[in-house]
C-alpha atoms as a PDB file:
ATOM      1  CA  MET A   1      69.145  58.072-121.377  1.00  0.00           C
ATOM      2  CA  ALA A   2      69.078  55.137-123.824  1.00  0.00           C
ATOM      3  CA  ASP A   3      72.159  53.596-122.185  1.00  0.00           C
ATOM      4  CA  THR A   4      70.608  54.003-118.747  1.00  0.00           C
ATOM      5  CA  GLN A   5      67.422  52.327-119.879  1.00  0.00           C
ATOM      6  CA  GLN A   6      69.369  49.437-121.379  1.00  0.00           C
ATOM      7  CA  ASP A   7      71.061  48.807-118.025  1.00  0.00           C
ATOM      8  CA  GLN A   8      67.775  48.946-116.123  1.00  0.00           C
ATOM      9  CA  VAL A   9      65.793  45.751-115.613  1.00  0.00           C
ATOM     10  CA  PRO A  10      62.310  45.892-117.201  1.00  0.00           C
ATOM     11  CA  VAL A  11      59.479  45.195-114.755  1.00  0.00           C
ATOM     12  CA  THR A  12      56.009  44.032-115.840  1.00  0.00           C
ATOM     13  CA  VAL A  13      53.156  44.340-113.343  1.00  0.00           C
ATOM     14  CA  LEU A  14      50.493  41.727-114.073  1.00  0.00           C
ATOM     15  CA  THR A  15      47.111  42.526-112.571  1.00  0.00           C
ATOM     16  CA  GLY A  16      43.454  41.666-113.094  1.00  0.00           C
ATOM     17  CA  TYR A  17      40.422  40.770-111.034  1.00  0.00           C
ATOM     18  CA  LEU A  18      40.011  37.358-109.371  1.00  0.00           C
ATOM     19  CA  GLY A  19      39.481  34.657-111.988  1.00  0.00           C
ATOM     20  CA  ALA A  20      40.261  36.814-115.017  1.00  0.00           C
ATOM     21  CA  GLY A  21      43.154  34.594-116.121  1.00  0.00           C
ATOM     22  CA  LYS A  22      46.314  36.197-114.698  1.00  0.00           C
ATOM     23  CA  THR A  23      47.816  32.894-113.580  1.00  0.00           C
ATOM     24  CA  THR A  24      47.029  31.290-116.948  1.00  0.00           C
ATOM     25  CA  LEU A  25      48.907  34.103-118.664  1.00  0.00           C
ATOM     26  CA  LEU A  26      51.826  33.868-116.229  1.00  0.00           C
ATOM     27  CA  ASN A  27      52.049  30.099-116.702  1.00  0.00           C
ATOM     28  CA  ARG A  28      52.138  30.675-120.448  1.00  0.00           C
ATOM     29  CA  ILE A  29      54.972  33.184-120.098  1.00  0.00           C
ATOM     30  CA  LEU A  30      56.933  30.814-117.869  1.00  0.00           C
ATOM     31  CA  SER A  31      56.489  27.737-120.042  1.00  0.00           C
ATOM     32  CA  GLU A  32      56.817  29.116-123.576  1.00  0.00           C
ATOM     33  CA  GLU A  33      60.077  29.026-125.493  1.00  0.00           C
ATOM     34  CA  HIS A  34      61.052  32.674-125.761  1.00  0.00           C
ATOM     35  CA  GLY A  35      64.711  32.393-124.809  1.00  0.00           C
ATOM     36  CA  LYS A  36      64.465  34.704-121.789  1.00  0.00           C
ATOM     37  CA  LYS A  37      64.447  34.188-118.038  1.00  0.00           C
ATOM     38  CA  TYR A  38      62.233  36.084-115.636  1.00  0.00           C
ATOM     39  CA  ALA A  39      62.246  36.607-111.902  1.00  0.00           C
ATOM     40  CA  VAL A  40      58.643  36.313-110.718  1.00  0.00           C
ATOM     41  CA  VAL A  41      57.142  37.937-107.638  1.00  0.00           C
ATOM     42  CA  ILE A  42      53.779  36.444-106.688  1.00  0.00           C
ATOM     43  CA  ASN A  43      51.212  37.653-104.196  1.00  0.00           C
ATOM     44  CA  GLU A  44      48.036  35.590-103.939  1.00  0.00           C
ATOM     45  CA  PHE A  45      46.878  36.214-100.374  1.00  0.00           C
ATOM     46  CA  GLY A  46      47.817  32.977 -98.705  1.00  0.00           C
ATOM     47  CA  GLU A  47      48.057  30.624-101.649  1.00  0.00           C
ATOM     48  CA  LEU A  48      50.666  29.936-104.297  1.00  0.00           C
ATOM     49  CA  GLY A  49      49.609  31.697-107.482  1.00  0.00           C
ATOM     50  CA  VAL A  50      51.564  29.526-109.888  1.00  0.00           C
ATOM     51  CA  ASP A  51      51.608  25.757-110.168  1.00  0.00           C
ATOM     52  CA  ASN A  52      54.743  24.622-108.329  1.00  0.00           C
ATOM     53  CA  ASP A  53      55.836  21.994-110.839  1.00  0.00           C
ATOM     54  CA  LEU A  54      55.611  24.485-113.670  1.00  0.00           C
ATOM     55  CA  VAL A  55      57.844  26.923-111.856  1.00  0.00           C
ATOM     56  CA  VAL A  56      60.375  24.217-111.015  1.00  0.00           C
ATOM     57  CA  ASP A  57      60.384  22.907-114.589  1.00  0.00           C
ATOM     58  CA  THR A  58      61.052  26.344-116.028  1.00  0.00           C
ATOM     59  CA  ASP A  59      63.791  27.083-113.478  1.00  0.00           C
ATOM     60  CA  GLU A  60      62.506  30.585-112.882  1.00  0.00           C
ATOM     61  CA  GLU A  61      63.172  32.738-109.852  1.00  0.00           C
ATOM     62  CA  VAL A  62      59.921  32.846-107.845  1.00  0.00           C
ATOM     63  CA  PHE A  63      59.349  34.932-104.735  1.00  0.00           C
ATOM     64  CA  GLU A  64      56.155  34.672-102.740  1.00  0.00           C
ATOM     65  CA  MET A  65      54.728  37.525-100.725  1.00  0.00           C
ATOM     66  CA  ASN A  66      51.972  35.722 -98.852  1.00  0.00           C
ATOM     67  CA  ASN A  67      51.825  37.965 -95.813  1.00  0.00           C
ATOM     68  CA  GLY A  68      48.785  39.904 -96.987  1.00  0.00           C
ATOM     69  CA  CYS A  69      47.470  42.004 -99.814  1.00  0.00           C
ATOM     70  CA  ILE A  70      50.169  43.479-102.040  1.00  0.00           C
ATOM     71  CA  CYS A  71      48.400  46.861-101.717  1.00  0.00           C
ATOM     72  CA  CYS A  72      49.203  47.074 -98.022  1.00  0.00           C
ATOM     73  CA  THR A  73      52.614  45.479 -97.660  1.00  0.00           C
ATOM     74  CA  VAL A  74      54.187  45.778-101.071  1.00  0.00           C
ATOM     75  CA  ARG A  75      56.626  48.623-100.819  1.00  0.00           C
ATOM     76  CA  GLY A  76      59.032  47.320 -98.187  1.00  0.00           C
ATOM     77  CA  ASP A  77      58.824  43.761 -99.463  1.00  0.00           C
ATOM     78  CA  LEU A  78      59.241  44.772-103.077  1.00  0.00           C
ATOM     79  CA  ILE A  79      62.197  47.048-102.380  1.00  0.00           C
ATOM     80  CA  ARG A  80      63.847  44.255-100.398  1.00  0.00           C
ATOM     81  CA  ILE A  81      63.188  41.614-103.094  1.00  0.00           C
ATOM     82  CA  VAL A  82      64.357  43.826-105.962  1.00  0.00           C
ATOM     83  CA  GLY A  83      67.495  44.703-103.974  1.00  0.00           C
ATOM     84  CA  GLY A  84      68.217  41.004-103.530  1.00  0.00           C
ATOM     85  CA  LEU A  85      67.580  40.298-107.196  1.00  0.00           C
ATOM     86  CA  MET A  86      70.049  42.970-108.289  1.00  0.00           C
ATOM     87  CA  LYS A  87      72.844  40.961-106.692  1.00  0.00           C
ATOM     88  CA  ARG A  88      72.100  38.316-109.339  1.00  0.00           C
ATOM     89  CA  ARG A  89      71.367  40.685-112.199  1.00  0.00           C
ATOM     90  CA  ASP A  90      73.000  38.377-114.763  1.00  0.00           C
ATOM     91  CA  LYS A  91      70.593  35.507-113.975  1.00  0.00           C
ATOM     92  CA  PHE A  92      67.447  37.012-115.552  1.00  0.00           C
ATOM     93  CA  ASP A  93      66.203  39.362-118.277  1.00  0.00           C
ATOM     94  CA  GLY A  94      63.230  40.908-116.529  1.00  0.00           C
ATOM     95  CA  ILE A  95      60.939  40.885-113.482  1.00  0.00           C
ATOM     96  CA  ILE A  96      57.236  40.002-113.475  1.00  0.00           C
ATOM     97  CA  ILE A  97      55.079  40.970-110.494  1.00  0.00           C
ATOM     98  CA  GLU A  98      51.698  39.237-110.244  1.00  0.00           C
ATOM     99  CA  THR A  99      49.392  41.059-107.850  1.00  0.00           C
ATOM    100  CA  THR A 100      46.490  39.551-105.979  1.00  0.00           C
ATOM    101  CA  GLY A 101      43.189  39.873-107.815  1.00  0.00           C
ATOM    102  CA  LEU A 102      41.909  42.374-105.259  1.00  0.00           C
ATOM    103  CA  ALA A 103      44.871  44.743-105.580  1.00  0.00           C
ATOM    104  CA  ASN A 104      44.959  48.336-106.704  1.00  0.00           C
ATOM    105  CA  PRO A 105      48.131  48.517-108.847  1.00  0.00           C
ATOM    106  CA  ALA A 106      49.053  52.022-107.607  1.00  0.00           C
ATOM    107  CA  PRO A 107      51.314  51.042-104.671  1.00  0.00           C
ATOM    108  CA  VAL A 108      53.204  48.627-106.930  1.00  0.00           C
ATOM    109  CA  ALA A 109      53.753  51.284-109.601  1.00  0.00           C
ATOM    110  CA  GLN A 110      54.721  53.889-107.015  1.00  0.00           C
ATOM    111  CA  THR A 111      57.510  51.654-105.695  1.00  0.00           C
ATOM    112  CA  PHE A 112      59.423  52.291-108.914  1.00  0.00           C
ATOM    113  CA  PHE A 113      59.234  56.054-108.360  1.00  0.00           C
ATOM    114  CA  VAL A 114      59.854  56.463-104.632  1.00  0.00           C
ATOM    115  CA  ASP A 115      62.941  54.362-103.886  1.00  0.00           C
ATOM    116  CA  GLU A 116      66.037  55.853-105.510  1.00  0.00           C
ATOM    117  CA  ASP A 117      67.914  52.550-105.696  1.00  0.00           C
ATOM    118  CA  VAL A 118      64.976  50.704-107.264  1.00  0.00           C
ATOM    119  CA  LYS A 119      64.382  53.622-109.652  1.00  0.00           C
ATOM    120  CA  ALA A 120      68.018  53.614-110.769  1.00  0.00           C
ATOM    121  CA  ARG A 121      68.184  49.876-111.404  1.00  0.00           C
ATOM    122  CA  THR A 122      64.757  49.012-112.789  1.00  0.00           C
ATOM    123  CA  ARG A 123      62.183  50.560-115.090  1.00  0.00           C
ATOM    124  CA  LEU A 124      58.461  49.945-114.964  1.00  0.00           C
ATOM    125  CA  ASP A 125      57.889  48.553-118.448  1.00  0.00           C
ATOM    126  CA  ALA A 126      54.092  48.175-118.428  1.00  0.00           C
ATOM    127  CA  ILE A 127      51.073  47.452-116.290  1.00  0.00           C
ATOM    128  CA  VAL A 128      49.232  44.542-117.932  1.00  0.00           C
ATOM    129  CA  THR A 129      45.622  43.956-116.850  1.00  0.00           C
ATOM    130  CA  VAL A 130      43.755  40.731-117.623  1.00  0.00           C
ATOM    131  CA  VAL A 131      39.988  41.264-117.944  1.00  0.00           C
ATOM    132  CA  ASP A 132      37.249  38.603-117.869  1.00  0.00           C
ATOM    133  CA  ALA A 133      35.094  39.523-120.884  1.00  0.00           C
ATOM    134  CA  LYS A 134      32.122  37.551-119.555  1.00  0.00           C
ATOM    135  CA  HIS A 135      31.989  38.998-116.049  1.00  0.00           C
ATOM    136  CA  LEU A 136      33.433  42.505-116.412  1.00  0.00           C
ATOM    137  CA  PRO A 137      30.066  44.363-116.381  1.00  0.00           C
ATOM    138  CA  ALA A 138      29.193  42.733-113.044  1.00  0.00           C
ATOM    139  CA  ARG A 139      32.667  43.433-111.618  1.00  0.00           C
ATOM    140  CA  LEU A 140      32.512  47.101-112.569  1.00  0.00           C
ATOM    141  CA  ALA A 141      29.169  47.328-110.782  1.00  0.00           C
ATOM    142  CA  ASP A 142      30.404  45.816-107.518  1.00  0.00           C
ATOM    143  CA  SER A 143      34.149  46.475-107.339  1.00  0.00           C
ATOM    144  CA  ALA A 144      36.140  49.703-107.439  1.00  0.00           C
ATOM    145  CA  GLU A 145      39.329  47.642-107.845  1.00  0.00           C
ATOM    146  CA  ALA A 146      38.191  46.259-111.219  1.00  0.00           C
ATOM    147  CA  ALA A 147      37.846  49.801-112.588  1.00  0.00           C
ATOM    148  CA  GLU A 148      41.171  50.902-111.120  1.00  0.00           C
ATOM    149  CA  GLN A 149      43.009  47.929-112.616  1.00  0.00           C
ATOM    150  CA  ILE A 150      41.688  48.959-116.040  1.00  0.00           C
ATOM    151  CA  ALA A 151      42.453  52.632-115.450  1.00  0.00           C
ATOM    152  CA  PHE A 152      46.112  51.892-114.645  1.00  0.00           C
ATOM    153  CA  ALA A 153      46.667  49.515-117.561  1.00  0.00           C
ATOM    154  CA  ASP A 154      49.048  50.105-120.428  1.00  0.00           C
ATOM    155  CA  VAL A 155      48.061  46.760-121.982  1.00  0.00           C
ATOM    156  CA  ILE A 156      44.671  45.059-121.513  1.00  0.00           C
ATOM    157  CA  ILE A 157      44.189  41.336-122.187  1.00  0.00           C
ATOM    158  CA  LEU A 158      40.469  40.952-122.884  1.00  0.00           C
ATOM    159  CA  ASN A 159      40.228  37.274-121.996  1.00  0.00           C
ATOM    160  CA  LYS A 160      37.543  34.540-122.289  1.00  0.00           C
ATOM    161  CA  MET A 161      36.321  35.863-125.632  1.00  0.00           C
ATOM    162  CA  ASP A 162      34.928  32.395-126.377  1.00  0.00           C
ATOM    163  CA  LEU A 163      32.292  32.968-123.663  1.00  0.00           C
ATOM    164  CA  VAL A 164      30.736  36.127-125.118  1.00  0.00           C
ATOM    165  CA  THR A 165      28.775  37.038-128.249  1.00  0.00           C
ATOM    166  CA  PRO A 166      30.126  39.671-130.668  1.00  0.00           C
ATOM    167  CA  GLU A 167      27.583  42.120-129.234  1.00  0.00           C
ATOM    168  CA  GLU A 168      28.688  41.424-125.658  1.00  0.00           C
ATOM    169  CA  ALA A 169      32.330  41.779-126.694  1.00  0.00           C
ATOM    170  CA  ALA A 170      31.631  45.175-128.255  1.00  0.00           C
ATOM    171  CA  GLU A 171      29.843  46.330-125.103  1.00  0.00           C
ATOM    172  CA  VAL A 172      32.693  45.159-122.849  1.00  0.00           C
ATOM    173  CA  GLU A 173      35.217  47.004-124.997  1.00  0.00           C
ATOM    174  CA  ARG A 174      33.030  50.115-124.821  1.00  0.00           C
ATOM    175  CA  LEU A 175      33.022  49.880-121.005  1.00  0.00           C
ATOM    176  CA  ILE A 176      36.810  49.545-120.983  1.00  0.00           C
ATOM    177  CA  ARG A 177      37.200  52.551-123.271  1.00  0.00           C
ATOM    178  CA  GLN A 178      35.020  54.653-120.988  1.00  0.00           C
ATOM    179  CA  ILE A 179      37.617  54.105-118.277  1.00  0.00           C
ATOM    180  CA  ASN A 180      40.837  54.000-120.304  1.00  0.00           C
ATOM    181  CA  ARG A 181      40.987  55.133-123.914  1.00  0.00           C
ATOM    182  CA  PHE A 182      44.730  54.754-124.197  1.00  0.00           C
ATOM    183  CA  ALA A 183      45.629  51.168-123.355  1.00  0.00           C
ATOM    184  CA  VAL A 184      46.323  48.639-126.121  1.00  0.00           C
ATOM    185  CA  ILE A 185      43.615  45.921-126.059  1.00  0.00           C
ATOM    186  CA  HIS A 186      44.253  42.305-127.124  1.00  0.00           C
ATOM    187  CA  ARG A 187      41.287  39.901-127.383  1.00  0.00           C
ATOM    188  CA  THR A 188      42.176  36.383-126.228  1.00  0.00           C
ATOM    189  CA  GLU A 189      40.909  32.946-125.239  1.00  0.00           C
ATOM    190  CA  ARG A 190      42.748  31.245-122.354  1.00  0.00           C
ATOM    191  CA  ALA A 191      45.130  34.235-122.304  1.00  0.00           C
ATOM    192  CA  SER A 192      46.694  32.994-125.531  1.00  0.00           C
ATOM    193  CA  LEU A 193      48.666  35.694-127.353  1.00  0.00           C
ATOM    194  CA  PRO A 194      52.267  36.297-128.429  1.00  0.00           C
ATOM    195  CA  ILE A 195      54.429  36.968-125.386  1.00  0.00           C
ATOM    196  CA  ALA A 196      55.938  39.878-127.337  1.00  0.00           C
ATOM    197  CA  ASP A 197      52.566  41.627-126.935  1.00  0.00           C
ATOM    198  CA  VAL A 198      52.887  41.465-123.144  1.00  0.00           C
ATOM    199  CA  LEU A 199      56.563  41.806-122.185  1.00  0.00           C
ATOM    200  CA  ASP A 200      59.126  44.461-123.056  1.00  0.00           C
ATOM    201  CA  GLN A 201      56.479  46.921-124.234  1.00  0.00           C
ATOM    202  CA  GLY A 202      58.229  50.133-123.169  1.00  0.00           C
ATOM    203  CA  ALA A 203      54.685  51.296-122.541  1.00  0.00           C
ATOM    204  CA  PHE A 204      54.830  52.960-119.163  1.00  0.00           C
ATOM    205  CA  ASP A 205      57.322  55.628-120.255  1.00  0.00           C
ATOM    206  CA  LEU A 206      55.260  56.232-123.431  1.00  0.00           C
ATOM    207  CA  GLN A 207      58.288  56.368-125.698  1.00  0.00           C
ATOM    208  CA  ARG A 208      57.750  53.226-127.739  1.00  0.00           C
ATOM    209  CA  VAL A 209      53.978  53.599-127.864  1.00  0.00           C
ATOM    210  CA  LEU A 210      54.339  57.110-129.267  1.00  0.00           C
ATOM    211  CA  GLU A 211      56.843  55.966-131.862  1.00  0.00           C
ATOM    212  CA  SER A 212      54.423  53.337-133.173  1.00  0.00           C
ATOM    213  CA  HIS A 213      51.199  55.270-132.419  1.00  0.00           C
ATOM    214  CA  PRO A 214      51.937  59.003-132.764  1.00  0.00           C
ATOM    215  CA  ASP A 215      48.305  59.906-132.055  1.00  0.00           C
ATOM    216  CA  PHE A 216      48.247  57.793-128.870  1.00  0.00           C
ATOM    217  CA  LEU A 217      47.694  60.936-126.807  1.00  0.00           C
ATOM    218  CA  GLY A 218      45.384  62.554-129.333  1.00  0.00           C
ATOM    219  CA  ASP A 219      42.638  64.668-127.840  1.00  0.00           C
ATOM    220  CA  ASP A 220      39.007  64.016-128.559  1.00  0.00           C
ATOM    221  CA  GLU A 221      35.804  64.890-126.813  1.00  0.00           C
ATOM    222  CA  HIS A 222      34.804  62.180-124.412  1.00  0.00           C
ATOM    223  CA  GLU A 223      31.707  61.561-122.359  1.00  0.00           C
ATOM    224  CA  HIS A 224      32.844  60.936-118.827  1.00  0.00           C
ATOM    225  CA  ASN A 225      29.823  60.308-116.672  1.00  0.00           C
ATOM    226  CA  GLU A 226      31.289  57.067-115.326  1.00  0.00           C
ATOM    227  CA  ASP A 227      33.205  56.922-112.054  1.00  0.00           C
ATOM    228  CA  VAL A 228      36.619  56.672-113.712  1.00  0.00           C
ATOM    229  CA  SER A 229      37.257  58.553-116.936  1.00  0.00           C
ATOM    230  CA  SER A 230      40.144  59.642-119.131  1.00  0.00           C
ATOM    231  CA  MET A 231      40.832  62.840-121.021  1.00  0.00           C
ATOM    232  CA  SER A 232      43.754  64.396-122.837  1.00  0.00           C
ATOM    233  CA  PHE A 233      44.859  67.859-123.889  1.00  0.00           C
ATOM    234  CA  GLU A 234      47.257  69.271-126.456  1.00  0.00           C
ATOM    235  CA  VAL A 235      48.901  72.680-126.860  1.00  0.00           C
ATOM    236  CA  ASP A 236      50.917  74.027-129.777  1.00  0.00           C
ATOM    237  CA  ARG A 237      53.275  76.478-128.079  1.00  0.00           C
ATOM    238  CA  PRO A 238      56.230  75.206-126.008  1.00  0.00           C
ATOM    239  CA  LEU A 239      55.707  75.039-122.266  1.00  0.00           C
ATOM    240  CA  ASP A 240      57.452  77.125-119.651  1.00  0.00           C
ATOM    241  CA  PRO A 241      58.932  74.368-117.439  1.00  0.00           C
ATOM    242  CA  GLU A 242      58.627  76.435-114.258  1.00  0.00           C
ATOM    243  CA  ARG A 243      54.963  77.168-114.930  1.00  0.00           C
ATOM    244  CA  PHE A 244      54.239  73.533-115.734  1.00  0.00           C
ATOM    245  CA  ASN A 245      56.041  72.245-112.622  1.00  0.00           C
ATOM    246  CA  ALA A 246      54.216  74.715-110.390  1.00  0.00           C
ATOM    247  CA  TRP A 247      50.828  73.842-111.920  1.00  0.00           C
ATOM    248  CA  ILE A 248      51.230  70.074-111.960  1.00  0.00           C
ATOM    249  CA  GLY A 249      52.730  70.062-108.461  1.00  0.00           C
ATOM    250  CA  ASP A 250      49.773  71.991-107.100  1.00  0.00           C
ATOM    251  CA  LEU A 251      47.294  69.842-109.037  1.00  0.00           C
ATOM    252  CA  LEU A 252      48.759  66.561-107.775  1.00  0.00           C
ATOM    253  CA  ALA A 253      48.925  67.871-104.217  1.00  0.00           C
ATOM    254  CA  GLN A 254      45.245  68.834-104.283  1.00  0.00           C
ATOM    255  CA  LYS A 255      43.732  66.167-106.538  1.00  0.00           C
ATOM    256  CA  GLY A 256      46.304  63.375-106.399  1.00  0.00           C
ATOM    257  CA  GLN A 257      43.981  60.872-104.741  1.00  0.00           C
ATOM    258  CA  ASP A 258      41.578  61.188-107.673  1.00  0.00           C
ATOM    259  CA  LEU A 259      44.281  61.175-110.365  1.00  0.00           C
ATOM    260  CA  LEU A 260      45.098  57.503-110.927  1.00  0.00           C
ATOM    261  CA  ARG A 261      47.498  58.028-113.825  1.00  0.00           C
ATOM    262  CA  THR A 262      48.913  61.153-115.434  1.00  0.00           C
ATOM    263  CA  LYS A 263      51.290  60.944-118.378  1.00  0.00           C
ATOM    264  CA  GLY A 264      52.454  63.197-121.151  1.00  0.00           C
ATOM    265  CA  ILE A 265      55.059  64.146-123.711  1.00  0.00           C
ATOM    266  CA  LEU A 266      56.059  67.787-123.329  1.00  0.00           C
ATOM    267  CA  SER A 267      57.872  70.341-125.448  1.00  0.00           C
ATOM    268  CA  TYR A 268      59.781  72.774-123.245  1.00  0.00           C
ATOM    269  CA  GLU A 269      60.780  76.221-124.439  1.00  0.00           C
ATOM    270  CA  GLY A 270      64.436  76.413-125.380  1.00  0.00           C
ATOM    271  CA  ASP A 271      64.979  72.640-125.414  1.00  0.00           C
ATOM    272  CA  ASP A 272      65.013  70.371-128.474  1.00  0.00           C
ATOM    273  CA  ARG A 273      64.323  67.209-126.474  1.00  0.00           C
ATOM    274  CA  ARG A 274      60.997  65.567-125.672  1.00  0.00           C
ATOM    275  CA  PHE A 275      60.184  65.394-121.973  1.00  0.00           C
ATOM    276  CA  ALA A 276      58.205  62.362-120.731  1.00  0.00           C
ATOM    277  CA  PHE A 277      56.154  63.122-117.630  1.00  0.00           C
ATOM    278  CA  GLN A 278      54.240  60.554-115.599  1.00  0.00           C
ATOM    279  CA  ALA A 279      52.608  60.329-112.212  1.00  0.00           C
ATOM    280  CA  VAL A 280      50.772  57.766-110.107  1.00  0.00           C
ATOM    281  CA  HIS A 281      48.455  59.607-107.733  1.00  0.00           C
ATOM    282  CA  MET A 282      50.712  62.266-106.128  1.00  0.00           C
ATOM    283  CA  ILE A 283      54.066  60.696-107.000  1.00  0.00           C
ATOM    284  CA  ALA A 284      55.528  62.186-110.171  1.00  0.00           C
ATOM    285  CA  ASP A 285      58.575  61.517-112.303  1.00  0.00           C
ATOM    286  CA  GLY A 286      59.944  62.667-115.618  1.00  0.00           C
ATOM    287  CA  ASP A 287      62.949  62.697-117.912  1.00  0.00           C
ATOM    288  CA  PHE A 288      64.053  63.721-121.373  1.00  0.00           C
ATOM    289  CA  ILE A 289      63.681  60.881-123.886  1.00  0.00           C
ATOM    290  CA  GLY A 290      65.597  62.141-126.898  1.00  0.00           C
ATOM    291  CA  PRO A 291      65.130  64.770-129.585  1.00  0.00           C
ATOM    292  CA  TRP A 292      62.014  65.660-131.529  1.00  0.00           C
ATOM    293  CA  LYS A 293      62.465  63.774-134.792  1.00  0.00           C
ATOM    294  CA  GLY A 294      60.791  65.896-137.397  1.00  0.00           C
ATOM    295  CA  GLU A 295      57.328  65.382-135.922  1.00  0.00           C
ATOM    296  CA  GLU A 296      55.218  68.362-134.975  1.00  0.00           C
ATOM    297  CA  ARG A 297      56.321  69.697-131.601  1.00  0.00           C
ATOM    298  CA  LYS A 298      53.208  69.665-129.471  1.00  0.00           C
ATOM    299  CA  SER A 299      52.771  69.036-125.773  1.00  0.00           C
ATOM    300  CA  ARG A 300      50.198  66.385-124.884  1.00  0.00           C
ATOM    301  CA  ILE A 301      49.025  65.223-121.488  1.00  0.00           C
ATOM    302  CA  VAL A 302      46.628  62.490-120.358  1.00  0.00           C
ATOM    303  CA  PHE A 303      44.675  62.257-117.111  1.00  0.00           C
ATOM    304  CA  ILE A 304      42.905  59.085-115.947  1.00  0.00           C
ATOM    305  CA  GLY A 305      40.945  59.362-112.737  1.00  0.00           C
ATOM    306  CA  ARG A 306      37.788  60.368-110.898  1.00  0.00           C
ATOM    307  CA  ASN A 307      35.948  63.681-110.750  1.00  0.00           C
ATOM    308  CA  LEU A 308      38.012  65.171-113.565  1.00  0.00           C
ATOM    309  CA  ASN A 309      37.090  68.765-114.412  1.00  0.00           C
ATOM    310  CA  ARG A 310      37.762  69.103-118.145  1.00  0.00           C
ATOM    311  CA  PRO A 311      37.579  72.931-118.447  1.00  0.00           C
ATOM    312  CA  GLN A 312      39.734  73.427-115.359  1.00  0.00           C
ATOM    313  CA  LEU A 313      42.402  70.959-116.516  1.00  0.00           C
ATOM    314  CA  ARG A 314      42.422  72.402-120.022  1.00  0.00           C
ATOM    315  CA  ARG A 315      42.800  75.982-118.768  1.00  0.00           C
ATOM    316  CA  GLY A 316      45.558  74.982-116.369  1.00  0.00           C
ATOM    317  CA  PHE A 317      47.552  73.154-119.041  1.00  0.00           C
ATOM    318  CA  GLU A 318      47.108  75.944-121.605  1.00  0.00           C
ATOM    319  CA  ALA A 319      48.314  78.490-119.054  1.00  0.00           C
ATOM    320  CA  CYS A 320      51.656  76.632-118.840  1.00  0.00           C
ATOM    321  CA  GLN A 321      52.601  77.728-122.375  1.00  0.00           C
ATOM    322  CA  ALA A 322      55.531  80.106-122.646  1.00  0.00           C
ATOM    323  CA  SER A 323      54.599  83.716-123.359  1.00  0.00           C
END
């Protein structure tokens, strides 16, 4: 698995509502001295999302998808672009996809599950969401996309901190945590932070996050009266893989539209390896990610979505334990 992952190209999806600072962050990545080269896929609904001179100066690969919102047209375009990039695999270290500010990141993320060739040659490293600290409360009130971008995030750049008071900052972070308790949050001004905090996070497959934050999937009681909420569950006994697959398959088929992100680390009966499970809406994927290394073998799963029924999800997950 480790060798396979080394051969795969890491892909960072950069999202965030209009004006949050995505392009500022991307320009920073492209212009800083970090010794790596990135292929960049931009979609800004009819306008170039990155300053042309900057792109030329940094000699990066830039592909525009200006034929409409990345939500609607992404999959075919993205599969075609990634296929073309793989012919020049030695020319870059990673791929960055900047979505339009009105995009739901789900179709982008799903592309890396549904196409076998893309799945074999790339790995979704992290979804990075840039958030405007000043205007987030208003955006959450008038835009479902703003909430979904936060819900999908593995890394959140809480930008424009110089425009808010400490009290406002605390309230914005509280709003973010109501939607997504699990993403890493970085507070910034002008999207200024170490590039190492954004790229090559290994966040989407959970492995690296769990190694550095073992309680990342820890369960705690959570008020979830907002539209999008997150909750997690943990069981002590190993899971019966057939029971789990039947349950999760049925759950995603019935509730997949409401389940924005599902991810977990599972302990299967009779197997000494950790199994990483993840899904975007109804599209699921999973693989073993190496042995349990002395840590307590518990299965943990996270759901982020709408209309989540805590007792029902808990009972379903607990029922997957081996007899």
